[in-house]
Amino acid sequence: MYVGPPIDDVAILGRLPAAYRTLLAQANGYVAYAGGLHVRGACLSPEWHSLRAAWDGPRAIHRLFPAVSDSDVPFAEDALGDQFLVRNDIVHRLSAETGELESLGVDLATFDMSVRADPVGYLSLEPLEQFRAEGGALDPGQLLNVYPPFCVDAGGGERSFRAIPAADRIGFLASFAAQIRALPDGAAIRIEVK
């Protein structure tokens, strides 16, 4: 478990929903469930943990994924890089592989309770569990890279998992989602690994 540094970005607190401010007053963000959930903090560094970087920075989530508005609060991410946003006091999940946004229909407090009750099921952490069973581990600031992506039919083949820096994973996902955005379901694609 990682707990964020003391709050040093006080200015951003005024822009946050009350439930998020309350959470940050207890712990300035954290990584829990062996890397399964990362809740961002009101800090300037480390950058991978900074809410400001994810919300306002040059690689802000809304700049990378068109479905996200600059008013959406990108408060958390799961081990695979899917993003959790607060929009009008309701939590939404951005499927980072496809760039699709869906409402979870819950407020932040209910989201937190649901995660605590069943982190693996609620956050779909089965890939992380498999990675850990094979001896892998995520360090703070890392996400789980999956190849081929889950939105691609692997043709019965296995997927590989490895820990990579969060910024690299999010950058790949944004690029991948942009490239497949206009493709119809079932379209054939070729992934070139460089």
C-alpha atoms as a PDB file:
ATOM      1  CA  MET A   1       0.000   0.000   0.000  1.00  0.00           C
ATOM      2  CA  TYR A   2       1.225   3.460  -0.923  1.00  0.00           C
ATOM      3  CA  VAL A   3      -0.076   6.596   0.807  1.00  0.00           C
ATOM      4  CA  GLY A   4       0.522   9.919  -0.886  1.00  0.00           C
ATOM      5  CA  PRO A   5       2.729  12.687   0.481  1.00  0.00           C
ATOM      6  CA  PRO A   6       1.262  15.558   2.498  1.00  0.00           C
ATOM      7  CA  ILE A   7      -1.050  17.874   0.559  1.00  0.00           C
ATOM      8  CA  ASP A   8       0.998  20.547  -1.178  1.00  0.00           C
ATOM      9  CA  ASP A   9      -1.521  21.525  -3.879  1.00  0.00           C
ATOM     10  CA  VAL A  10      -4.022  23.297  -1.651  1.00  0.00           C
ATOM     11  CA  ALA A  11      -5.360  25.383  -4.549  1.00  0.00           C
ATOM     12  CA  ILE A  12      -6.881  22.348  -6.269  1.00  0.00           C
ATOM     13  CA  LEU A  13      -8.962  21.372  -3.220  1.00  0.00           C
ATOM     14  CA  GLY A  14     -11.532  24.108  -3.893  1.00  0.00           C
ATOM     15  CA  ARG A  15     -12.349  22.557  -7.268  1.00  0.00           C
ATOM     16  CA  LEU A  16     -13.113  19.115  -5.834  1.00  0.00           C
ATOM     17  CA  PRO A  17     -16.384  17.493  -4.799  1.00  0.00           C
ATOM     18  CA  ALA A  18     -16.823  17.477  -1.010  1.00  0.00           C
ATOM     19  CA  ALA A  19     -16.571  13.668  -0.772  1.00  0.00           C
ATOM     20  CA  TYR A  20     -13.184  13.711  -2.524  1.00  0.00           C
ATOM     21  CA  ARG A  21     -11.886  16.512  -0.273  1.00  0.00           C
ATOM     22  CA  THR A  22     -12.964  14.456   2.744  1.00  0.00           C
ATOM     23  CA  LEU A  23     -11.124  11.404   1.428  1.00  0.00           C
ATOM     24  CA  LEU A  24      -7.947  13.423   0.798  1.00  0.00           C
ATOM     25  CA  ALA A  25      -8.086  14.859   4.303  1.00  0.00           C
ATOM     26  CA  GLN A  26      -7.746  11.282   5.616  1.00  0.00           C
ATOM     27  CA  ALA A  27      -5.002  10.228   3.175  1.00  0.00           C
ATOM     28  CA  ASN A  28      -3.689  12.278   0.271  1.00  0.00           C
ATOM     29  CA  GLY A  29      -4.482   9.555  -2.216  1.00  0.00           C
ATOM     30  CA  TYR A  30      -3.206   5.999  -2.158  1.00  0.00           C
ATOM     31  CA  VAL A  31      -2.477   2.828  -4.079  1.00  0.00           C
ATOM     32  CA  ALA A  32      -4.308  -0.193  -2.659  1.00  0.00           C
ATOM     33  CA  TYR A  33      -5.186  -3.791  -3.517  1.00  0.00           C
ATOM     34  CA  ALA A  34      -1.656  -4.609  -4.710  1.00  0.00           C
ATOM     35  CA  GLY A  35      -1.887  -1.864  -7.334  1.00  0.00           C
ATOM     36  CA  GLY A  36      -5.521  -2.549  -8.205  1.00  0.00           C
ATOM     37  CA  LEU A  37      -6.686   0.984  -7.397  1.00  0.00           C
ATOM     38  CA  HIS A  38      -4.787   4.252  -7.424  1.00  0.00           C
ATOM     39  CA  VAL A  39      -6.607   7.278  -5.973  1.00  0.00           C
ATOM     40  CA  ARG A  40      -4.766  10.464  -6.944  1.00  0.00           C
ATOM     41  CA  GLY A  41      -3.679  13.070  -4.409  1.00  0.00           C
ATOM     42  CA  ALA A  42      -3.558  16.861  -4.126  1.00  0.00           C
ATOM     43  CA  CYS A  43       0.191  17.025  -4.633  1.00  0.00           C
ATOM     44  CA  LEU A  44       2.560  18.306  -7.272  1.00  0.00           C
ATOM     45  CA  SER A  45       4.830  15.285  -7.164  1.00  0.00           C
ATOM     46  CA  PRO A  46       5.313  12.525  -7.835  1.00  0.00           C
ATOM     47  CA  GLU A  47       3.671  13.353 -11.144  1.00  0.00           C
ATOM     48  CA  TRP A  48       2.072   9.911 -11.517  1.00  0.00           C
ATOM     49  CA  HIS A  49       0.187  10.571  -8.231  1.00  0.00           C
ATOM     50  CA  SER A  50      -0.710  14.209  -8.895  1.00  0.00           C
ATOM     51  CA  LEU A  51      -4.364  14.997  -9.517  1.00  0.00           C
ATOM     52  CA  ARG A  52      -3.300  18.310 -11.066  1.00  0.00           C
ATOM     53  CA  ALA A  53      -1.129  16.525 -13.651  1.00  0.00           C
ATOM     54  CA  ALA A  54      -3.978  14.164 -14.587  1.00  0.00           C
ATOM     55  CA  TRP A  55      -6.555  16.982 -14.673  1.00  0.00           C
ATOM     56  CA  ASP A  56      -4.714  20.048 -15.976  1.00  0.00           C
ATOM     57  CA  GLY A  57      -1.287  18.905 -17.185  1.00  0.00           C
ATOM     58  CA  PRO A  58      -0.078  18.484 -20.773  1.00  0.00           C
ATOM     59  CA  ARG A  59      -1.013  14.784 -20.624  1.00  0.00           C
ATOM     60  CA  ALA A  60      -4.296  15.382 -18.798  1.00  0.00           C
ATOM     61  CA  ILE A  61      -6.865  12.628 -19.223  1.00  0.00           C
ATOM     62  CA  HIS A  62      -9.294  14.952 -21.036  1.00  0.00           C
ATOM     63  CA  ARG A  63      -6.568  15.875 -23.547  1.00  0.00           C
ATOM     64  CA  LEU A  64      -5.905  12.186 -24.312  1.00  0.00           C
ATOM     65  CA  PHE A  65      -9.471  10.862 -24.471  1.00  0.00           C
ATOM     66  CA  PRO A  66     -12.191  12.881 -26.305  1.00  0.00           C
ATOM     67  CA  ALA A  67     -15.040  11.359 -24.215  1.00  0.00           C
ATOM     68  CA  VAL A  68     -13.640  13.094 -21.120  1.00  0.00           C
ATOM     69  CA  SER A  69     -14.453  16.728 -20.405  1.00  0.00           C
ATOM     70  CA  ASP A  70     -12.031  19.161 -18.787  1.00  0.00           C
ATOM     71  CA  SER A  71     -14.552  19.503 -15.947  1.00  0.00           C
ATOM     72  CA  ASP A  72     -14.505  15.745 -15.185  1.00  0.00           C
ATOM     73  CA  VAL A  73     -12.380  15.006 -12.104  1.00  0.00           C
ATOM     74  CA  PRO A  74      -9.981  12.107 -12.896  1.00  0.00           C
ATOM     75  CA  PHE A  75      -9.679  10.949  -9.299  1.00  0.00           C
ATOM     76  CA  ALA A  76      -8.513   7.353  -9.772  1.00  0.00           C
ATOM     77  CA  GLU A  77      -7.378   4.570 -12.072  1.00  0.00           C
ATOM     78  CA  ASP A  78      -7.319   0.804 -11.894  1.00  0.00           C
ATOM     79  CA  ALA A  79      -4.349  -1.498 -12.469  1.00  0.00           C
ATOM     80  CA  LEU A  80      -4.958  -1.617 -16.236  1.00  0.00           C
ATOM     81  CA  GLY A  81      -5.234   2.148 -16.703  1.00  0.00           C
ATOM     82  CA  ASP A  82      -9.016   2.482 -16.858  1.00  0.00           C
ATOM     83  CA  GLN A  83      -9.865   5.862 -15.371  1.00  0.00           C
ATOM     84  CA  PHE A  84     -12.493   6.773 -12.799  1.00  0.00           C
ATOM     85  CA  LEU A  85     -13.950  10.263 -13.121  1.00  0.00           C
ATOM     86  CA  VAL A  86     -16.453  12.290 -11.166  1.00  0.00           C
ATOM     87  CA  ARG A  87     -18.937  14.072 -13.425  1.00  0.00           C
ATOM     88  CA  ASN A  88     -21.820  15.910 -11.757  1.00  0.00           C
ATOM     89  CA  ASP A  89     -21.198  13.980  -8.506  1.00  0.00           C
ATOM     90  CA  ILE A  90     -21.507  10.606 -10.298  1.00  0.00           C
ATOM     91  CA  VAL A  91     -18.557   8.257 -10.860  1.00  0.00           C
ATOM     92  CA  HIS A  92     -17.862   7.240 -14.463  1.00  0.00           C
ATOM     93  CA  ARG A  93     -15.433   4.657 -15.805  1.00  0.00           C
ATOM     94  CA  LEU A  94     -13.345   5.341 -18.888  1.00  0.00           C
ATOM     95  CA  SER A  95     -12.396   2.132 -20.659  1.00  0.00           C
ATOM     96  CA  ALA A  96      -8.964   3.317 -21.720  1.00  0.00           C
ATOM     97  CA  GLU A  97      -8.506   0.658 -24.434  1.00  0.00           C
ATOM     98  CA  THR A  98     -11.534   1.915 -26.361  1.00  0.00           C
ATOM     99  CA  GLY A  99     -11.962   5.451 -25.006  1.00  0.00           C
ATOM    100  CA  GLU A 100     -15.581   4.712 -24.079  1.00  0.00           C
ATOM    101  CA  LEU A 101     -17.071   6.347 -21.000  1.00  0.00           C
ATOM    102  CA  GLU A 102     -19.843   4.770 -18.918  1.00  0.00           C
ATOM    103  CA  SER A 103     -21.647   5.958 -15.826  1.00  0.00           C
ATOM    104  CA  LEU A 104     -21.391   3.671 -12.832  1.00  0.00           C
ATOM    105  CA  GLY A 105     -24.508   5.341 -11.424  1.00  0.00           C
ATOM    106  CA  VAL A 106     -22.980   5.845  -7.972  1.00  0.00           C
ATOM    107  CA  ASP A 107     -21.529   8.724  -6.016  1.00  0.00           C
ATOM    108  CA  LEU A 108     -17.974   8.692  -4.707  1.00  0.00           C
ATOM    109  CA  ALA A 109     -18.905   7.359  -1.260  1.00  0.00           C
ATOM    110  CA  THR A 110     -20.854   4.445  -2.782  1.00  0.00           C
ATOM    111  CA  PHE A 111     -18.002   3.755  -5.201  1.00  0.00           C
ATOM    112  CA  ASP A 112     -15.595   3.577  -2.249  1.00  0.00           C
ATOM    113  CA  MET A 113     -17.891   1.219  -0.312  1.00  0.00           C
ATOM    114  CA  SER A 114     -18.357  -1.013  -3.375  1.00  0.00           C
ATOM    115  CA  VAL A 115     -14.616  -1.252  -3.961  1.00  0.00           C
ATOM    116  CA  ARG A 116     -13.969  -2.097  -0.310  1.00  0.00           C
ATOM    117  CA  ALA A 117     -16.680  -4.793  -0.348  1.00  0.00           C
ATOM    118  CA  ASP A 118     -15.325  -6.580  -3.457  1.00  0.00           C
ATOM    119  CA  PRO A 119     -12.213  -5.007  -4.998  1.00  0.00           C
ATOM    120  CA  VAL A 120     -11.490  -7.853  -7.434  1.00  0.00           C
ATOM    121  CA  GLY A 121     -15.058  -8.089  -8.709  1.00  0.00           C
ATOM    122  CA  TYR A 122     -15.942  -4.388  -8.716  1.00  0.00           C
ATOM    123  CA  LEU A 123     -12.695  -3.275 -10.352  1.00  0.00           C
ATOM    124  CA  SER A 124     -12.335  -6.374 -12.596  1.00  0.00           C
ATOM    125  CA  LEU A 125      -8.888  -7.146 -11.166  1.00  0.00           C
ATOM    126  CA  GLU A 126      -8.681 -10.738 -12.418  1.00  0.00           C
ATOM    127  CA  PRO A 127      -5.768  -9.876 -14.775  1.00  0.00           C
ATOM    128  CA  LEU A 128      -3.844  -8.378 -11.851  1.00  0.00           C
ATOM    129  CA  GLU A 129      -4.576 -11.472  -9.786  1.00  0.00           C
ATOM    130  CA  GLN A 130      -3.212 -13.661 -12.608  1.00  0.00           C
ATOM    131  CA  PHE A 131      -0.111 -11.470 -12.927  1.00  0.00           C
ATOM    132  CA  ARG A 132       0.508 -11.701  -9.189  1.00  0.00           C
ATOM    133  CA  ALA A 133      -0.055 -15.486  -9.193  1.00  0.00           C
ATOM    134  CA  GLU A 134       2.727 -15.714 -11.792  1.00  0.00           C
ATOM    135  CA  GLY A 135       5.082 -13.829  -9.451  1.00  0.00           C
ATOM    136  CA  GLY A 136       4.530 -10.318 -10.804  1.00  0.00           C
ATOM    137  CA  ALA A 137       4.065  -7.170  -8.741  1.00  0.00           C
ATOM    138  CA  LEU A 138       3.164  -3.548  -9.407  1.00  0.00           C
ATOM    139  CA  ASP A 139       5.206  -0.845  -7.729  1.00  0.00           C
ATOM    140  CA  PRO A 140       3.620   2.545  -7.010  1.00  0.00           C
ATOM    141  CA  GLY A 141       3.563   4.494 -10.276  1.00  0.00           C
ATOM    142  CA  GLN A 142       3.211   1.366 -12.423  1.00  0.00           C
ATOM    143  CA  LEU A 143       0.267  -0.089 -14.291  1.00  0.00           C
ATOM    144  CA  LEU A 144      -0.277  -3.468 -15.875  1.00  0.00           C
ATOM    145  CA  ASN A 145       0.392  -3.645 -19.597  1.00  0.00           C
ATOM    146  CA  VAL A 146      -1.677  -6.261 -21.428  1.00  0.00           C
ATOM    147  CA  TYR A 147      -0.826  -7.690 -24.837  1.00  0.00           C
ATOM    148  CA  PRO A 148      -2.871  -8.095 -26.896  1.00  0.00           C
ATOM    149  CA  PRO A 149      -5.400  -5.612 -25.503  1.00  0.00           C
ATOM    150  CA  PHE A 150      -8.611  -7.083 -24.097  1.00  0.00           C
ATOM    151  CA  CYS A 151     -10.791  -5.427 -26.744  1.00  0.00           C
ATOM    152  CA  VAL A 152      -8.981  -7.505 -29.373  1.00  0.00           C
ATOM    153  CA  ASP A 153      -9.897 -11.130 -30.024  1.00  0.00           C
ATOM    154  CA  ALA A 154      -6.724 -13.018 -29.158  1.00  0.00           C
ATOM    155  CA  GLY A 155      -7.897 -16.001 -31.190  1.00  0.00           C
ATOM    156  CA  GLY A 156      -7.612 -18.327 -28.219  1.00  0.00           C
ATOM    157  CA  GLY A 157      -4.029 -17.249 -27.573  1.00  0.00           C
ATOM    158  CA  GLU A 158      -2.825 -16.158 -24.190  1.00  0.00           C
ATOM    159  CA  ARG A 159      -2.285 -12.605 -23.118  1.00  0.00           C
ATOM    160  CA  SER A 160       0.949 -11.427 -21.589  1.00  0.00           C
ATOM    161  CA  PHE A 161       1.190  -9.039 -18.651  1.00  0.00           C
ATOM    162  CA  ARG A 162       4.015  -6.829 -17.432  1.00  0.00           C
ATOM    163  CA  ALA A 163       4.450  -3.848 -15.163  1.00  0.00           C
ATOM    164  CA  ILE A 164       5.305  -0.565 -16.903  1.00  0.00           C
ATOM    165  CA  PRO A 165       5.341   3.124 -15.870  1.00  0.00           C
ATOM    166  CA  ALA A 166       1.817   4.523 -15.592  1.00  0.00           C
ATOM    167  CA  ALA A 167       2.535   7.349 -18.054  1.00  0.00           C
ATOM    168  CA  ASP A 168       3.672   4.849 -20.695  1.00  0.00           C
ATOM    169  CA  ARG A 169       0.549   2.723 -20.240  1.00  0.00           C
ATOM    170  CA  ILE A 170      -1.833   5.688 -20.410  1.00  0.00           C
ATOM    171  CA  GLY A 171      -0.031   7.083 -23.455  1.00  0.00           C
ATOM    172  CA  PHE A 172      -0.274   3.732 -25.254  1.00  0.00           C
ATOM    173  CA  LEU A 173      -3.951   3.348 -24.377  1.00  0.00           C
ATOM    174  CA  ALA A 174      -4.817   6.846 -25.612  1.00  0.00           C
ATOM    175  CA  SER A 175      -3.002   6.214 -28.889  1.00  0.00           C
ATOM    176  CA  PHE A 176      -4.578   2.782 -29.327  1.00  0.00           C
ATOM    177  CA  ALA A 177      -8.099   4.063 -28.571  1.00  0.00           C
ATOM    178  CA  ALA A 178      -7.652   6.906 -31.074  1.00  0.00           C
ATOM    179  CA  GLN A 179      -6.531   4.479 -33.782  1.00  0.00           C
ATOM    180  CA  ILE A 180      -9.472   2.098 -33.355  1.00  0.00           C
ATOM    181  CA  ARG A 181     -12.163   4.707 -32.595  1.00  0.00           C
ATOM    182  CA  ALA A 182     -13.727   4.733 -36.067  1.00  0.00           C
ATOM    183  CA  LEU A 183     -13.449   0.992 -36.698  1.00  0.00           C
ATOM    184  CA  PRO A 184     -16.602  -1.115 -36.633  1.00  0.00           C
ATOM    185  CA  ASP A 185     -16.908  -4.030 -34.204  1.00  0.00           C
ATOM    186  CA  GLY A 186     -15.184  -7.112 -35.588  1.00  0.00           C
ATOM    187  CA  ALA A 187     -12.786  -5.156 -37.825  1.00  0.00           C
ATOM    188  CA  ALA A 188      -9.426  -6.814 -38.404  1.00  0.00           C
ATOM    189  CA  ILE A 189      -6.432  -4.907 -37.094  1.00  0.00           C
ATOM    190  CA  ARG A 190      -2.706  -5.491 -37.055  1.00  0.00           C
ATOM    191  CA  ILE A 191      -0.674  -4.416 -34.027  1.00  0.00           C
ATOM    192  CA  GLU A 192       2.942  -3.588 -34.727  1.00  0.00           C
ATOM    193  CA  VAL A 193       5.196  -3.931 -31.698  1.00  0.00           C
ATOM    194  CA  LYS A 194       8.150  -1.547 -31.778  1.00  0.00           C
END
